[in-house]
Protein backbone atom coordinates (compact mmCIF):
# COMPACT_ATOMS: atom_id res chain seq x y z
CA MET A 1 52.28 67.53 58.09
CA ASP A 2 49.77 66.54 60.69
CA ALA A 3 47.28 69.37 61.11
CA ARG A 4 44.38 67.05 61.98
CA PRO A 5 43.71 68.98 65.22
CA LEU A 6 42.77 71.92 62.96
CA GLY A 7 40.26 69.76 61.07
CA LEU A 8 42.52 69.11 58.06
CA ALA A 9 43.28 65.73 56.51
CA LEU A 10 46.55 64.03 57.38
CA GLY A 11 49.25 65.47 55.11
CA ALA A 12 47.35 68.63 54.18
CA THR A 13 49.08 71.96 54.66
CA PRO A 14 46.85 74.79 55.90
CA PHE A 15 45.81 77.22 53.12
CA GLU A 16 47.19 74.94 50.35
CA THR A 17 45.80 72.14 48.23
CA GLY A 18 47.52 69.10 46.76
CA THR A 19 50.50 69.19 49.12
CA GLU A 20 50.14 65.83 50.84
CA ARG A 21 52.73 63.96 48.76
CA PHE A 22 54.92 64.62 45.76
CA THR A 23 56.29 62.44 43.00
CA LEU A 24 59.80 63.25 41.85
CA SER A 25 59.88 64.18 38.12
CA ASP A 26 60.04 60.92 36.14
CA SER A 27 60.25 58.68 39.22
CA PRO A 28 57.35 56.61 40.51
CA LEU A 29 58.46 57.27 44.11
CA ILE A 30 56.28 59.39 46.36
CA CYS A 31 57.93 61.63 48.96
CA GLY A 32 56.09 62.58 52.13
CA THR A 33 57.05 64.44 55.28
CA ALA A 34 56.34 64.12 58.95
CA ASP A 35 57.84 67.53 59.73
CA ARG A 36 59.90 65.86 62.44
CA PHE A 37 62.42 63.04 62.88
CA VAL A 38 60.45 59.89 62.10
CA THR A 39 60.62 56.98 64.53
CA SER A 40 57.67 54.95 63.26
CA ALA A 41 56.10 54.10 59.93
CA PRO A 42 54.24 57.07 58.45
CA GLU A 43 50.46 57.02 58.45
CA LEU A 44 50.39 58.78 55.07
CA ALA A 45 51.12 56.36 52.22
CA CYS A 46 54.47 57.25 50.61
CA ASP A 47 57.71 55.58 49.54
CA LEU A 48 60.07 57.73 51.57
CA VAL A 49 59.83 60.34 54.30
CA ASP A 50 62.20 63.27 54.07
CA MET A 51 61.53 66.73 55.46
CA GLU A 52 64.11 68.54 53.34
CA LEU A 53 63.35 66.76 50.06
CA TYR A 54 59.64 67.32 50.63
CA ALA A 55 60.21 71.09 50.91
CA LEU A 56 62.32 71.12 47.74
CA ALA A 57 59.76 69.01 45.85
CA LYS A 58 56.99 71.34 46.96
CA ILE A 59 58.80 74.41 45.61
CA ALA A 60 59.86 72.63 42.41
CA LYS A 61 56.26 71.61 41.71
CA ARG A 62 54.93 75.10 42.37
CA GLU A 63 57.58 76.67 40.11
CA GLN A 64 57.32 73.85 37.51
CA ILE A 65 61.02 72.98 37.85
CA PRO A 66 61.98 69.34 37.19
CA LEU A 67 63.57 67.82 40.28
CA LYS A 68 65.87 64.85 40.61
CA SER A 69 67.25 63.83 43.95
CA TYR A 70 69.72 61.28 45.18
CA LYS A 71 68.79 60.09 48.63
CA PHE A 72 70.41 57.53 50.88
CA ILE A 73 67.74 55.86 52.96
CA SER A 74 69.45 55.82 56.33
CA ASP A 75 66.92 54.08 58.56
CA SER A 76 63.64 52.22 58.69
CA ALA A 77 61.75 54.89 60.67
CA ASP A 78 61.47 52.77 63.79
CA ASP A 79 62.79 52.76 67.36
CA SER A 80 66.39 52.27 66.17
CA ALA A 81 66.25 55.12 63.60
CA GLN A 82 68.69 57.42 65.41
CA GLN A 83 71.34 54.72 65.82
CA ASP A 84 70.76 53.39 62.29
CA TRP A 85 71.28 56.91 60.92
CA LYS A 86 74.61 57.27 62.75
CA ASN A 87 75.74 53.83 61.59
CA SER A 88 74.83 54.52 57.96
CA LEU A 89 76.89 57.71 57.58
CA PRO A 90 80.08 56.03 56.22
CA ASP A 91 78.10 54.09 53.58
CA SER A 92 76.11 57.13 52.57
CA ALA A 93 79.26 59.23 52.16
CA SER A 94 80.97 56.67 49.92
CA GLY A 95 77.75 56.15 47.95
CA PHE A 96 77.39 59.85 47.21
CA LEU A 97 81.05 60.16 46.24
CA SER A 98 80.48 57.37 43.71
CA ILE A 99 77.42 59.14 42.29
CA GLN A 100 79.38 62.39 42.10
CA ASP A 101 82.16 60.69 40.16
CA ASP A 102 79.61 59.20 37.74
CA LEU A 103 77.88 62.54 37.20
CA LEU A 104 81.15 64.42 36.69
CA SER A 105 82.30 61.92 34.07
CA LEU A 106 79.23 62.58 31.86
C-alpha cells in the first residue's frame, strides 16, 4: 500500500503496524502488495508482489494460521506485464494441475 500522501511509510496500512510485508510460514520469501496491477518494479523490498496473496497472508498472520501458497509468477512487473500474463496462462494451468496431482497422491 502506498499511503505516503497521508504521512505513512511506504507499505504501511493506516491504523495497523507491521503490515508492510509478510513471510509465508516456513518460506524465506517475502510477499508485498501494490494494491494495483504492477507494471514496474516495486519500491518496497520483497520477493513477489501479489494483491490476493498479501491479503491472505495478512489474515493468516493475524489469526496465527500457517499459510502455504503455490504461485505462478506470470510477469516481471514491467511494461509488458499485461501481455506476459496472458501468454503465461497455459503454462500456469498445466503447472497447477501437476501440483494438484502431486498433492492428491500424498
